[in-house]
Amino acid sequence: MASFLFTAIVTGLVIVVTYLVNSLTKIFKILFTKRVRSKGAVEIDKKEHIYAHPDFADKLQDYNTLGLKTLSDVLLHGMKLGGDRPQFSYRYSSDEPFKHYTYK
């Protein structure tokens, strides 16, 4: 009877210690995991509420300064500059990553 009681106590202690170690490991993972900051869309026109991808917001050009008159000229110019790079980006909500259209 004494050996049964001793085995039950040791088993209980092992379960409790295992639970505590597992809990501490989870707490340390939460504390020491570096969070990745998400990039949000950048509003480039406050009046019209136009947003751009944050990686490309500084590189946008006005089509009037390039001598482009029609939408067709704008599209051909964009295809010439970067046919396989993202041209049009969108997302349905701020929780989702951007999806891109390319010319190719």
N, C-alpha and C. Protein backbone atom coordinates (compact mmCIF):
# COMPACT_ATOMS: atom_id res chain seq x y z
N MET A 1 0.82 -1.19 0.00
CA MET A 1 0.00 0.00 0.00
C MET A 1 0.87 1.26 0.00
N ALA A 2 1.95 1.23 0.74
CA ALA A 2 2.84 2.39 0.81
C ALA A 2 3.50 2.64 -0.54
N SER A 3 3.87 1.58 -1.26
CA SER A 3 4.51 1.77 -2.56
C SER A 3 3.52 2.35 -3.57
N PHE A 4 2.25 1.98 -3.48
CA PHE A 4 1.21 2.53 -4.36
C PHE A 4 1.04 4.02 -4.10
N LEU A 5 0.99 4.39 -2.84
CA LEU A 5 0.84 5.79 -2.47
C LEU A 5 2.05 6.61 -2.92
N PHE A 6 3.25 6.06 -2.73
CA PHE A 6 4.47 6.73 -3.17
C PHE A 6 4.47 6.92 -4.69
N THR A 7 4.07 5.90 -5.44
CA THR A 7 4.02 5.98 -6.91
C THR A 7 3.00 7.02 -7.36
N ALA A 8 1.87 7.09 -6.69
CA ALA A 8 0.84 8.07 -7.03
C ALA A 8 1.33 9.49 -6.78
N ILE A 9 2.03 9.70 -5.67
CA ILE A 9 2.55 11.04 -5.36
C ILE A 9 3.63 11.45 -6.36
N VAL A 10 4.53 10.54 -6.71
CA VAL A 10 5.59 10.84 -7.67
C VAL A 10 4.98 11.13 -9.05
N THR A 11 4.01 10.34 -9.44
CA THR A 11 3.35 10.56 -10.73
C THR A 11 2.65 11.92 -10.75
N GLY A 12 1.97 12.27 -9.68
CA GLY A 12 1.32 13.58 -9.58
C GLY A 12 2.33 14.71 -9.66
N LEU A 13 3.46 14.57 -8.97
CA LEU A 13 4.50 15.59 -9.03
C LEU A 13 5.08 15.73 -10.43
N VAL A 14 5.28 14.61 -11.10
CA VAL A 14 5.80 14.65 -12.47
C VAL A 14 4.82 15.38 -13.39
N ILE A 15 3.53 15.12 -13.23
CA ILE A 15 2.51 15.78 -14.06
C ILE A 15 2.50 17.28 -13.77
N VAL A 16 2.56 17.68 -12.52
CA VAL A 16 2.54 19.09 -12.15
C VAL A 16 3.79 19.81 -12.67
N VAL A 17 4.95 19.20 -12.50
CA VAL A 17 6.20 19.81 -12.97
C VAL A 17 6.19 19.92 -14.49
N THR A 18 5.70 18.91 -15.18
CA THR A 18 5.61 18.95 -16.64
C THR A 18 4.69 20.08 -17.08
N TYR A 19 3.57 20.23 -16.43
CA TYR A 19 2.63 21.31 -16.75
C TYR A 19 3.28 22.67 -16.53
N LEU A 20 3.98 22.84 -15.40
CA LEU A 20 4.64 24.12 -15.12
C LEU A 20 5.73 24.45 -16.13
N VAL A 21 6.54 23.46 -16.49
CA VAL A 21 7.60 23.69 -17.48
C VAL A 21 6.99 24.04 -18.84
N ASN A 22 5.93 23.35 -19.21
CA ASN A 22 5.25 23.64 -20.48
C ASN A 22 4.68 25.06 -20.46
N SER A 23 4.07 25.46 -19.37
CA SER A 23 3.50 26.81 -19.26
C SER A 23 4.60 27.87 -19.32
N LEU A 24 5.69 27.65 -18.60
CA LEU A 24 6.79 28.61 -18.63
C LEU A 24 7.40 28.72 -20.03
N THR A 25 7.51 27.61 -20.73
CA THR A 25 8.03 27.64 -22.09
C THR A 25 7.13 28.47 -22.99
N LYS A 26 5.83 28.32 -22.87
CA LYS A 26 4.91 29.12 -23.68
C LYS A 26 5.01 30.60 -23.34
N ILE A 27 5.14 30.92 -22.05
CA ILE A 27 5.27 32.32 -21.64
C ILE A 27 6.55 32.93 -22.19
N PHE A 28 7.67 32.18 -22.12
CA PHE A 28 8.94 32.69 -22.65
C PHE A 28 8.87 32.86 -24.17
N LYS A 29 8.18 31.97 -24.87
CA LYS A 29 8.03 32.13 -26.32
C LYS A 29 7.27 33.41 -26.64
N ILE A 30 6.24 33.70 -25.89
CA ILE A 30 5.46 34.92 -26.11
C ILE A 30 6.29 36.15 -25.81
N LEU A 31 7.04 36.12 -24.72
CA LEU A 31 7.82 37.29 -24.32
C LEU A 31 8.99 37.58 -25.25
N PHE A 32 9.64 36.54 -25.76
CA PHE A 32 10.87 36.74 -26.52
C PHE A 32 10.71 36.58 -28.02
N THR A 33 9.50 36.44 -28.51
CA THR A 33 9.28 36.39 -29.94
C THR A 33 9.17 37.80 -30.47
N LYS A 34 9.97 38.12 -31.48
CA LYS A 34 9.94 39.44 -32.08
C LYS A 34 8.72 39.55 -32.98
N ARG A 35 7.93 40.55 -32.76
CA ARG A 35 6.73 40.73 -33.56
C ARG A 35 7.06 41.39 -34.89
N VAL A 36 6.40 40.95 -35.92
CA VAL A 36 6.58 41.51 -37.24
C VAL A 36 5.53 42.60 -37.43
N ARG A 37 6.00 43.78 -37.70
CA ARG A 37 5.10 44.89 -37.92
C ARG A 37 4.53 44.79 -39.34
N SER A 38 3.24 44.89 -39.44
CA SER A 38 2.63 44.82 -40.77
C SER A 38 2.68 46.20 -41.42
N LYS A 39 2.85 46.19 -42.71
CA LYS A 39 2.87 47.43 -43.47
C LYS A 39 1.45 47.72 -43.91
N GLY A 40 0.99 48.87 -43.59
CA GLY A 40 -0.33 49.26 -44.03
C GLY A 40 -0.25 50.08 -45.30
N ALA A 41 -1.35 50.23 -45.95
CA ALA A 41 -1.39 51.05 -47.16
C ALA A 41 -1.17 52.51 -46.79
N VAL A 42 -0.53 53.23 -47.69
CA VAL A 42 -0.22 54.64 -47.48
C VAL A 42 -1.20 55.47 -48.29
N GLU A 43 -1.86 56.41 -47.64
CA GLU A 43 -2.79 57.28 -48.36
C GLU A 43 -1.99 58.37 -49.05
N ILE A 44 -2.07 58.39 -50.38
CA ILE A 44 -1.28 59.37 -51.14
C ILE A 44 -2.12 60.55 -51.61
N ASP A 45 -3.43 60.43 -51.55
CA ASP A 45 -4.31 61.54 -51.91
C ASP A 45 -5.42 61.63 -50.87
N LYS A 46 -5.34 62.65 -50.03
CA LYS A 46 -6.30 62.80 -48.93
C LYS A 46 -7.70 63.17 -49.44
N LYS A 47 -7.77 63.88 -50.55
CA LYS A 47 -9.06 64.31 -51.07
C LYS A 47 -9.83 63.15 -51.70
N GLU A 48 -9.15 62.37 -52.53
CA GLU A 48 -9.80 61.26 -53.24
C GLU A 48 -9.67 59.93 -52.51
N HIS A 49 -8.92 59.91 -51.41
CA HIS A 49 -8.68 58.69 -50.61
C HIS A 49 -8.07 57.58 -51.46
N ILE A 50 -6.97 57.90 -52.10
CA ILE A 50 -6.24 56.93 -52.91
C ILE A 50 -5.09 56.40 -52.08
N TYR A 51 -4.95 55.08 -52.07
CA TYR A 51 -3.92 54.43 -51.28
C TYR A 51 -2.92 53.73 -52.19
N ALA A 52 -1.68 53.62 -51.73
CA ALA A 52 -0.64 52.94 -52.49
C ALA A 52 0.08 51.95 -51.59
N HIS A 53 0.70 50.98 -52.21
CA HIS A 53 1.51 50.00 -51.48
C HIS A 53 2.68 50.74 -50.85
N PRO A 54 3.01 50.46 -49.58
CA PRO A 54 4.05 51.24 -48.91
C PRO A 54 5.43 51.11 -49.54
N ASP A 55 5.73 50.00 -50.21
CA ASP A 55 7.04 49.86 -50.84
C ASP A 55 7.18 50.72 -52.09
N PHE A 56 6.07 51.14 -52.67
CA PHE A 56 6.11 51.86 -53.93
C PHE A 56 5.55 53.29 -53.84
N ALA A 57 5.14 53.71 -52.66
CA ALA A 57 4.50 55.02 -52.52
C ALA A 57 5.44 56.17 -52.87
N ASP A 58 6.73 56.05 -52.58
CA ASP A 58 7.68 57.13 -52.86
C ASP A 58 8.09 57.19 -54.33
N LYS A 59 7.83 56.12 -55.07
CA LYS A 59 8.30 56.04 -56.45
C LYS A 59 7.21 56.35 -57.48
N LEU A 60 6.04 56.78 -57.02
CA LEU A 60 4.96 57.08 -57.95
C LEU A 60 5.26 58.37 -58.71
N GLN A 61 4.86 58.39 -59.99
CA GLN A 61 5.09 59.57 -60.82
C GLN A 61 3.76 60.05 -61.37
N ASP A 62 3.67 61.34 -61.56
CA ASP A 62 2.47 61.93 -62.16
C ASP A 62 2.57 61.77 -63.67
N TYR A 63 1.53 61.26 -64.29
CA TYR A 63 1.57 61.02 -65.73
C TYR A 63 1.68 62.32 -66.54
N ASN A 64 1.24 63.43 -65.98
CA ASN A 64 1.33 64.71 -66.71
C ASN A 64 2.77 65.15 -66.91
N THR A 65 3.64 64.85 -65.94
CA THR A 65 5.04 65.26 -66.05
C THR A 65 5.82 64.39 -67.03
N LEU A 66 5.27 63.25 -67.40
CA LEU A 66 5.96 62.35 -68.33
C LEU A 66 5.54 62.57 -69.77
N GLY A 67 4.60 63.47 -70.01
CA GLY A 67 4.15 63.74 -71.36
C GLY A 67 3.15 62.71 -71.88
N LEU A 68 2.48 62.02 -70.99
CA LEU A 68 1.50 61.01 -71.39
C LEU A 68 0.12 61.65 -71.42
N LYS A 69 -0.61 61.42 -72.51
CA LYS A 69 -1.90 62.07 -72.69
C LYS A 69 -3.09 61.14 -72.48
N THR A 70 -2.94 59.86 -72.83
CA THR A 70 -4.08 58.95 -72.76
C THR A 70 -3.77 57.79 -71.81
N LEU A 71 -4.81 57.07 -71.44
CA LEU A 71 -4.64 55.90 -70.59
C LEU A 71 -3.80 54.84 -71.29
N SER A 72 -3.98 54.74 -72.59
CA SER A 72 -3.18 53.79 -73.36
C SER A 72 -1.69 54.13 -73.27
N ASP A 73 -1.35 55.41 -73.35
CA ASP A 73 0.05 55.83 -73.20
C ASP A 73 0.58 55.48 -71.81
N VAL A 74 -0.24 55.66 -70.79
CA VAL A 74 0.18 55.34 -69.42
C VAL A 74 0.46 53.85 -69.28
N LEU A 75 -0.43 53.02 -69.81
CA LEU A 75 -0.25 51.57 -69.71
C LEU A 75 0.97 51.10 -70.49
N LEU A 76 1.18 51.65 -71.68
CA LEU A 76 2.37 51.27 -72.47
C LEU A 76 3.65 51.72 -71.77
N HIS A 77 3.63 52.88 -71.18
CA HIS A 77 4.81 53.37 -70.43
C HIS A 77 5.10 52.46 -69.24
N GLY A 78 4.05 52.06 -68.51
CA GLY A 78 4.24 51.16 -67.39
C GLY A 78 4.75 49.80 -67.81
N MET A 79 4.27 49.30 -68.95
CA MET A 79 4.74 48.01 -69.45
C MET A 79 6.21 48.08 -69.85
N LYS A 80 6.60 49.21 -70.40
CA LYS A 80 7.99 49.38 -70.82
C LYS A 80 8.92 49.44 -69.60
N LEU A 81 8.48 50.13 -68.54
CA LEU A 81 9.34 50.29 -67.36
C LEU A 81 9.48 49.01 -66.54
N GLY A 82 8.41 48.28 -66.37
CA GLY A 82 8.50 47.08 -65.53
C GLY A 82 7.36 46.13 -65.82
N GLY A 83 7.53 45.31 -66.82
CA GLY A 83 6.46 44.42 -67.22
C GLY A 83 6.13 43.33 -66.22
N ASP A 84 7.13 42.86 -65.47
CA ASP A 84 6.87 41.77 -64.54
C ASP A 84 6.82 42.21 -63.08
N ARG A 85 6.96 43.49 -62.84
CA ARG A 85 6.84 44.01 -61.48
C ARG A 85 5.39 44.34 -61.17
N PRO A 86 5.03 44.45 -59.89
CA PRO A 86 3.64 44.79 -59.55
C PRO A 86 3.25 46.17 -60.09
N GLN A 87 2.16 46.22 -60.82
CA GLN A 87 1.68 47.47 -61.37
C GLN A 87 0.45 47.97 -60.63
N PHE A 88 -0.47 47.06 -60.36
CA PHE A 88 -1.68 47.40 -59.64
C PHE A 88 -1.78 46.48 -58.44
N SER A 89 -1.88 47.04 -57.25
CA SER A 89 -1.98 46.25 -56.03
C SER A 89 -3.32 46.53 -55.37
N TYR A 90 -3.83 45.52 -54.73
CA TYR A 90 -5.11 45.67 -54.03
C TYR A 90 -5.18 44.68 -52.89
N ARG A 91 -6.11 44.91 -52.00
CA ARG A 91 -6.44 43.97 -50.94
C ARG A 91 -7.86 44.28 -50.48
N TYR A 92 -8.54 43.26 -50.00
CA TYR A 92 -9.92 43.42 -49.61
C TYR A 92 -10.08 44.00 -48.21
N SER A 93 -9.12 43.75 -47.33
CA SER A 93 -9.15 44.33 -46.00
C SER A 93 -7.72 44.57 -45.53
N SER A 94 -7.58 45.33 -44.49
CA SER A 94 -6.23 45.66 -44.01
C SER A 94 -5.56 44.48 -43.33
N ASP A 95 -6.30 43.40 -43.07
CA ASP A 95 -5.71 42.21 -42.46
C ASP A 95 -5.01 41.32 -43.47
N GLU A 96 -5.30 41.49 -44.74
CA GLU A 96 -4.77 40.63 -45.79
C GLU A 96 -3.53 41.25 -46.42
N PRO A 97 -2.64 40.41 -46.96
CA PRO A 97 -1.51 40.97 -47.70
C PRO A 97 -1.96 41.50 -49.06
N PHE A 98 -1.13 42.34 -49.67
CA PHE A 98 -1.46 42.88 -50.97
C PHE A 98 -1.39 41.79 -52.03
N LYS A 99 -2.25 41.88 -53.03
CA LYS A 99 -2.20 41.04 -54.22
C LYS A 99 -1.86 41.96 -55.38
N HIS A 100 -1.14 41.45 -56.37
CA HIS A 100 -0.62 42.30 -57.42
C HIS A 100 -1.06 41.83 -58.80
N TYR A 101 -1.25 42.79 -59.68
CA TYR A 101 -1.40 42.53 -61.11
C TYR A 101 -0.12 42.96 -61.79
N THR A 102 0.32 42.19 -62.76
CA THR A 102 1.46 42.57 -63.57
C THR A 102 1.01 42.62 -65.03
N TYR A 103 1.84 43.18 -65.90
CA TYR A 103 1.49 43.25 -67.31
C TYR A 103 1.72 41.93 -68.01
N LYS A 104 2.61 41.10 -67.48
CA LYS A 104 2.92 39.82 -68.12
C LYS A 104 2.13 38.69 -67.54
